[in-house]
N, C-alpha and C. Protein backbone atom coordinates (compact mmCIF):
# COMPACT_ATOMS: atom_id res chain seq x y z
N UNK A 1 4.69 34.69 -31.25
CA UNK A 1 4.07 35.97 -31.06
C UNK A 1 4.54 36.62 -29.77
N UNK A 2 4.72 35.85 -28.73
CA UNK A 2 5.14 36.42 -27.45
C UNK A 2 6.51 37.09 -27.57
N UNK A 3 7.38 36.52 -28.37
CA UNK A 3 8.70 37.12 -28.53
C UNK A 3 8.61 38.46 -29.25
N UNK A 4 7.74 38.57 -30.22
CA UNK A 4 7.53 39.86 -30.90
C UNK A 4 6.95 40.88 -29.92
N UNK A 5 6.03 40.46 -29.11
CA UNK A 5 5.42 41.34 -28.11
C UNK A 5 6.49 41.84 -27.14
N UNK A 6 7.37 40.94 -26.71
CA UNK A 6 8.43 41.32 -25.77
C UNK A 6 9.38 42.35 -26.38
N UNK A 7 9.65 42.23 -27.65
CA UNK A 7 10.53 43.17 -28.33
C UNK A 7 9.85 44.53 -28.49
N UNK A 8 8.59 44.51 -28.84
CA UNK A 8 7.91 45.74 -29.23
C UNK A 8 7.33 46.56 -28.09
N UNK A 9 6.86 45.91 -27.01
CA UNK A 9 6.05 46.69 -26.09
C UNK A 9 6.35 46.56 -24.61
N UNK A 10 6.24 45.42 -24.04
CA UNK A 10 6.07 45.29 -22.60
C UNK A 10 7.38 45.16 -21.82
N UNK A 11 7.78 46.21 -21.12
CA UNK A 11 8.99 46.13 -20.31
C UNK A 11 8.79 45.35 -19.01
N UNK A 12 7.55 44.98 -18.70
CA UNK A 12 7.27 44.25 -17.46
C UNK A 12 7.53 42.75 -17.60
N UNK A 13 7.75 42.27 -18.80
CA UNK A 13 8.02 40.84 -19.00
C UNK A 13 9.36 40.51 -18.38
N UNK A 14 9.38 39.48 -17.55
CA UNK A 14 10.61 39.12 -16.85
C UNK A 14 11.31 37.92 -17.46
N UNK A 15 10.63 37.20 -18.34
CA UNK A 15 11.22 36.04 -18.99
C UNK A 15 10.23 35.43 -19.96
N UNK A 16 10.77 34.63 -20.87
CA UNK A 16 9.94 33.96 -21.87
C UNK A 16 10.27 32.48 -21.90
N UNK A 17 9.23 31.67 -22.02
CA UNK A 17 9.40 30.22 -22.17
C UNK A 17 8.73 29.82 -23.47
N UNK A 18 9.48 29.14 -24.31
CA UNK A 18 8.96 28.66 -25.59
C UNK A 18 8.82 27.14 -25.54
N UNK A 19 7.61 26.68 -25.70
CA UNK A 19 7.34 25.25 -25.80
C UNK A 19 7.30 24.92 -27.28
N UNK A 20 8.35 24.32 -27.80
CA UNK A 20 8.46 23.96 -29.22
C UNK A 20 8.42 25.20 -30.11
N UNK A 21 9.39 26.05 -29.96
CA UNK A 21 9.48 27.25 -30.80
C UNK A 21 9.58 26.82 -32.27
N UNK A 22 8.67 27.31 -33.14
CA UNK A 22 8.70 26.94 -34.55
C UNK A 22 9.74 27.76 -35.32
N UNK A 23 10.98 27.34 -35.29
CA UNK A 23 12.08 28.08 -35.90
C UNK A 23 11.94 28.21 -37.41
N UNK A 24 11.38 27.17 -38.04
CA UNK A 24 11.24 27.16 -39.50
C UNK A 24 10.12 26.20 -39.90
N UNK A 25 9.62 26.32 -41.12
CA UNK A 25 8.64 25.34 -41.59
C UNK A 25 9.27 23.95 -41.71
N UNK A 26 8.46 22.93 -41.65
CA UNK A 26 8.97 21.55 -41.80
C UNK A 26 9.69 21.41 -43.13
N UNK A 27 10.83 20.77 -43.08
CA UNK A 27 11.67 20.50 -44.26
C UNK A 27 12.19 21.75 -44.97
N UNK A 28 12.17 22.89 -44.28
CA UNK A 28 12.72 24.13 -44.85
C UNK A 28 13.55 24.83 -43.78
N UNK A 29 14.67 24.23 -43.38
CA UNK A 29 15.47 24.80 -42.30
C UNK A 29 15.91 26.24 -42.58
N UNK A 30 15.83 27.05 -41.55
CA UNK A 30 16.24 28.44 -41.63
C UNK A 30 16.10 29.10 -40.27
N UNK A 31 16.60 30.31 -40.16
CA UNK A 31 16.57 31.01 -38.87
C UNK A 31 15.92 32.39 -38.95
N UNK A 32 15.29 32.70 -40.06
CA UNK A 32 14.68 34.03 -40.23
C UNK A 32 13.69 34.36 -39.12
N UNK A 33 12.95 33.38 -38.65
CA UNK A 33 11.93 33.63 -37.62
C UNK A 33 12.53 34.06 -36.28
N UNK A 34 13.82 33.91 -36.11
CA UNK A 34 14.45 34.24 -34.84
C UNK A 34 15.27 35.53 -34.88
N UNK A 35 15.30 36.20 -36.00
CA UNK A 35 16.15 37.38 -36.13
C UNK A 35 15.84 38.47 -35.11
N UNK A 36 14.59 38.66 -34.77
CA UNK A 36 14.20 39.70 -33.81
C UNK A 36 14.61 39.38 -32.38
N UNK A 37 14.93 38.14 -32.09
CA UNK A 37 15.18 37.72 -30.72
C UNK A 37 16.46 38.30 -30.11
N UNK A 38 17.35 38.77 -30.92
CA UNK A 38 18.57 39.37 -30.37
C UNK A 38 18.25 40.66 -29.62
N UNK A 39 17.06 41.21 -29.81
CA UNK A 39 16.65 42.43 -29.13
C UNK A 39 15.90 42.15 -27.82
N UNK A 40 15.80 40.90 -27.44
CA UNK A 40 15.12 40.54 -26.19
C UNK A 40 16.15 40.50 -25.08
N UNK A 41 15.91 41.27 -24.04
CA UNK A 41 16.88 41.38 -22.95
C UNK A 41 16.58 40.48 -21.76
N UNK A 42 15.40 39.90 -21.71
CA UNK A 42 15.02 39.07 -20.56
C UNK A 42 15.45 37.62 -20.79
N UNK A 43 15.56 36.83 -19.71
CA UNK A 43 15.90 35.42 -19.87
C UNK A 43 14.88 34.69 -20.73
N UNK A 44 15.38 33.74 -21.52
CA UNK A 44 14.53 32.94 -22.40
C UNK A 44 14.87 31.46 -22.24
N UNK A 45 13.85 30.65 -22.17
CA UNK A 45 14.01 29.20 -22.09
C UNK A 45 13.31 28.58 -23.29
N UNK A 46 14.03 27.76 -24.02
CA UNK A 46 13.50 27.03 -25.16
C UNK A 46 13.39 25.56 -24.77
N UNK A 47 12.19 25.02 -24.75
CA UNK A 47 11.95 23.60 -24.53
C UNK A 47 11.67 22.99 -25.89
N UNK A 48 12.57 22.15 -26.36
CA UNK A 48 12.44 21.63 -27.72
C UNK A 48 12.71 20.14 -27.74
N UNK A 49 11.89 19.44 -28.49
CA UNK A 49 12.09 18.01 -28.65
C UNK A 49 13.25 17.72 -29.58
N UNK A 50 13.91 16.62 -29.35
CA UNK A 50 15.05 16.25 -30.18
C UNK A 50 14.63 15.79 -31.58
N UNK A 51 13.32 15.58 -31.78
CA UNK A 51 12.80 15.19 -33.10
C UNK A 51 11.86 16.23 -33.68
N UNK A 52 11.98 17.47 -33.26
CA UNK A 52 11.07 18.52 -33.70
C UNK A 52 11.39 18.91 -35.15
N UNK A 53 10.46 18.64 -36.05
CA UNK A 53 10.65 18.94 -37.48
C UNK A 53 10.60 20.43 -37.78
N UNK A 54 10.15 21.24 -36.81
CA UNK A 54 10.06 22.68 -37.00
C UNK A 54 11.19 23.43 -36.29
N UNK A 55 12.15 22.70 -35.77
CA UNK A 55 13.28 23.34 -35.10
C UNK A 55 14.49 22.41 -35.17
N UNK A 56 15.20 22.49 -36.27
CA UNK A 56 16.45 21.73 -36.39
C UNK A 56 17.35 22.10 -35.23
N UNK A 57 17.79 21.11 -34.46
CA UNK A 57 18.54 21.39 -33.24
C UNK A 57 19.86 22.12 -33.50
N UNK A 58 20.54 21.81 -34.57
CA UNK A 58 21.79 22.51 -34.87
C UNK A 58 21.52 24.00 -35.09
N UNK A 59 20.48 24.29 -35.85
CA UNK A 59 20.12 25.69 -36.09
C UNK A 59 19.64 26.37 -34.81
N UNK A 60 18.81 25.67 -34.04
CA UNK A 60 18.29 26.25 -32.80
C UNK A 60 19.42 26.52 -31.82
N UNK A 61 20.35 25.60 -31.70
CA UNK A 61 21.51 25.82 -30.81
C UNK A 61 22.30 27.05 -31.24
N UNK A 62 22.50 27.22 -32.53
CA UNK A 62 23.24 28.38 -33.04
C UNK A 62 22.51 29.68 -32.74
N UNK A 63 21.20 29.68 -32.92
CA UNK A 63 20.41 30.87 -32.61
C UNK A 63 20.53 31.21 -31.14
N UNK A 64 20.36 30.22 -30.28
CA UNK A 64 20.39 30.45 -28.84
C UNK A 64 21.77 30.90 -28.38
N UNK A 65 22.81 30.41 -29.00
CA UNK A 65 24.17 30.82 -28.64
C UNK A 65 24.38 32.32 -28.84
N UNK A 66 23.63 32.92 -29.76
CA UNK A 66 23.76 34.34 -30.04
C UNK A 66 22.84 35.22 -29.19
N UNK A 67 22.03 34.60 -28.34
CA UNK A 67 21.08 35.35 -27.53
C UNK A 67 21.59 35.52 -26.10
N UNK A 68 21.42 36.72 -25.58
CA UNK A 68 21.77 36.96 -24.18
C UNK A 68 20.75 36.29 -23.28
N UNK A 69 21.21 35.62 -22.26
CA UNK A 69 20.34 35.03 -21.23
C UNK A 69 19.36 34.00 -21.78
N UNK A 70 19.76 33.23 -22.77
CA UNK A 70 18.88 32.21 -23.34
C UNK A 70 19.46 30.83 -23.10
N UNK A 71 18.58 29.88 -22.91
CA UNK A 71 19.02 28.50 -22.72
C UNK A 71 18.08 27.54 -23.43
N UNK A 72 18.63 26.40 -23.79
CA UNK A 72 17.87 25.35 -24.47
C UNK A 72 17.80 24.14 -23.57
N UNK A 73 16.62 23.56 -23.47
CA UNK A 73 16.46 22.28 -22.79
C UNK A 73 15.87 21.32 -23.81
N UNK A 74 16.60 20.24 -24.08
CA UNK A 74 16.17 19.26 -25.08
C UNK A 74 15.37 18.15 -24.42
N UNK A 75 14.19 17.90 -24.96
CA UNK A 75 13.33 16.83 -24.48
C UNK A 75 13.57 15.60 -25.35
N UNK A 76 14.17 14.60 -24.75
CA UNK A 76 14.60 13.39 -25.45
C UNK A 76 13.47 12.72 -26.20
N UNK A 77 13.66 12.52 -27.46
CA UNK A 77 12.78 11.85 -28.44
C UNK A 77 11.45 12.56 -28.70
N UNK A 78 11.22 13.74 -28.14
CA UNK A 78 9.96 14.44 -28.36
C UNK A 78 9.95 15.11 -29.73
N UNK A 79 8.76 15.15 -30.33
CA UNK A 79 8.60 15.89 -31.59
C UNK A 79 8.00 17.27 -31.27
N UNK A 80 7.51 17.96 -32.28
CA UNK A 80 6.99 19.31 -32.08
C UNK A 80 5.79 19.33 -31.13
N UNK A 81 5.02 18.25 -31.09
CA UNK A 81 3.85 18.15 -30.20
C UNK A 81 4.19 17.45 -28.88
N UNK A 82 5.47 17.21 -28.66
CA UNK A 82 5.97 16.50 -27.48
C UNK A 82 5.55 15.03 -27.44
N UNK A 83 5.22 14.48 -28.61
CA UNK A 83 5.01 13.03 -28.68
C UNK A 83 6.39 12.39 -28.64
N UNK A 84 6.51 11.32 -27.90
CA UNK A 84 7.82 10.70 -27.68
C UNK A 84 7.89 9.30 -28.29
N UNK A 85 9.11 8.82 -28.41
CA UNK A 85 9.35 7.42 -28.79
C UNK A 85 9.59 6.65 -27.50
N UNK A 86 8.58 5.92 -27.07
CA UNK A 86 8.65 5.26 -25.77
C UNK A 86 9.78 4.24 -25.67
N UNK A 87 10.05 3.53 -26.73
CA UNK A 87 11.06 2.47 -26.67
C UNK A 87 12.49 3.01 -26.57
N UNK A 88 12.74 4.17 -27.17
CA UNK A 88 14.11 4.66 -27.17
C UNK A 88 14.34 5.86 -26.25
N UNK A 89 13.32 6.34 -25.59
CA UNK A 89 13.47 7.47 -24.67
C UNK A 89 14.29 7.04 -23.47
N UNK A 90 15.27 7.84 -23.11
CA UNK A 90 16.15 7.46 -22.00
C UNK A 90 15.63 7.91 -20.64
N UNK A 91 14.73 8.88 -20.61
CA UNK A 91 14.19 9.38 -19.35
C UNK A 91 12.94 8.60 -18.97
N UNK A 92 12.81 8.29 -17.70
CA UNK A 92 11.60 7.65 -17.20
C UNK A 92 10.51 8.68 -16.88
N UNK A 93 10.89 9.95 -16.81
CA UNK A 93 9.96 11.01 -16.47
C UNK A 93 9.02 11.30 -17.65
N UNK A 94 7.75 11.47 -17.37
CA UNK A 94 6.79 11.86 -18.40
C UNK A 94 7.25 13.16 -19.05
N UNK A 95 7.15 13.26 -20.36
CA UNK A 95 7.69 14.42 -21.08
C UNK A 95 7.01 15.71 -20.64
N UNK A 96 5.72 15.68 -20.34
CA UNK A 96 5.03 16.89 -19.90
C UNK A 96 5.44 17.26 -18.48
N UNK A 97 5.63 16.28 -17.64
CA UNK A 97 6.12 16.53 -16.28
C UNK A 97 7.53 17.11 -16.34
N UNK A 98 8.34 16.57 -17.22
CA UNK A 98 9.71 17.07 -17.39
C UNK A 98 9.70 18.52 -17.86
N UNK A 99 8.89 18.83 -18.86
CA UNK A 99 8.82 20.20 -19.38
C UNK A 99 8.31 21.16 -18.30
N UNK A 100 7.31 20.73 -17.54
CA UNK A 100 6.77 21.57 -16.47
C UNK A 100 7.80 21.79 -15.37
N UNK A 101 8.54 20.75 -15.02
CA UNK A 101 9.58 20.87 -13.98
C UNK A 101 10.65 21.87 -14.40
N UNK A 102 11.12 21.76 -15.63
CA UNK A 102 12.16 22.66 -16.13
C UNK A 102 11.64 24.09 -16.21
N UNK A 103 10.41 24.26 -16.65
CA UNK A 103 9.80 25.59 -16.71
C UNK A 103 9.68 26.19 -15.31
N UNK A 104 9.26 25.38 -14.36
CA UNK A 104 9.12 25.85 -12.97
C UNK A 104 10.47 26.28 -12.40
N UNK A 105 11.51 25.50 -12.67
CA UNK A 105 12.86 25.87 -12.20
C UNK A 105 13.31 27.19 -12.82
N UNK A 106 13.02 27.38 -14.10
CA UNK A 106 13.35 28.62 -14.80
C UNK A 106 12.63 29.80 -14.15
N UNK A 107 11.33 29.65 -13.91
CA UNK A 107 10.54 30.71 -13.27
C UNK A 107 11.06 31.02 -11.87
N UNK A 108 11.36 29.98 -11.10
CA UNK A 108 11.89 30.18 -9.75
C UNK A 108 13.19 30.97 -9.78
N UNK A 109 14.05 30.68 -10.76
CA UNK A 109 15.32 31.41 -10.87
C UNK A 109 15.09 32.88 -11.22
N UNK A 110 14.10 33.15 -12.06
CA UNK A 110 13.79 34.53 -12.41
C UNK A 110 13.28 35.28 -11.17
N UNK A 111 12.47 34.63 -10.37
CA UNK A 111 11.91 35.25 -9.18
C UNK A 111 13.02 35.65 -8.20
N UNK A 112 14.09 34.86 -8.14
CA UNK A 112 15.20 35.14 -7.21
C UNK A 112 16.00 36.36 -7.65
N UNK A 113 15.99 36.64 -8.92
CA UNK A 113 16.81 37.76 -9.44
C UNK A 113 16.19 39.11 -9.16
C-alpha cells in the first residue's frame, strides 16, 4: 500500500522500505503487483528472506533491476515472516537486528542526500 501511496500522492516521501514485499501469492509467481513501482522516484529498499514464498528471488531481482534507486537486501534463510533456519543460517546476527541495521543504514544515507 505504501508504494501505491508514493506513486499517487505524497511528494514528501524520501524513501521506502519494504519488509517482505509480497510480490505474488504463494505458489503463483508473477510480477503484476510491482508494475506501478517504475513510477516511484525515491530510493527503495527491499528486505526479503531467501525463503520467502511470496517473493521468488529471481523475479524480485528482475523487478528491482528495472527500478531507479532500488536495492535488495537478502536475509539468509528467512521466510516471509523472517523466521529463519537456525542450523543453516550463515549469519550470527539476529535476523531482526540485521533487518533493523540495514534499514537504519538506508535511512542514514537518505538523510545525507
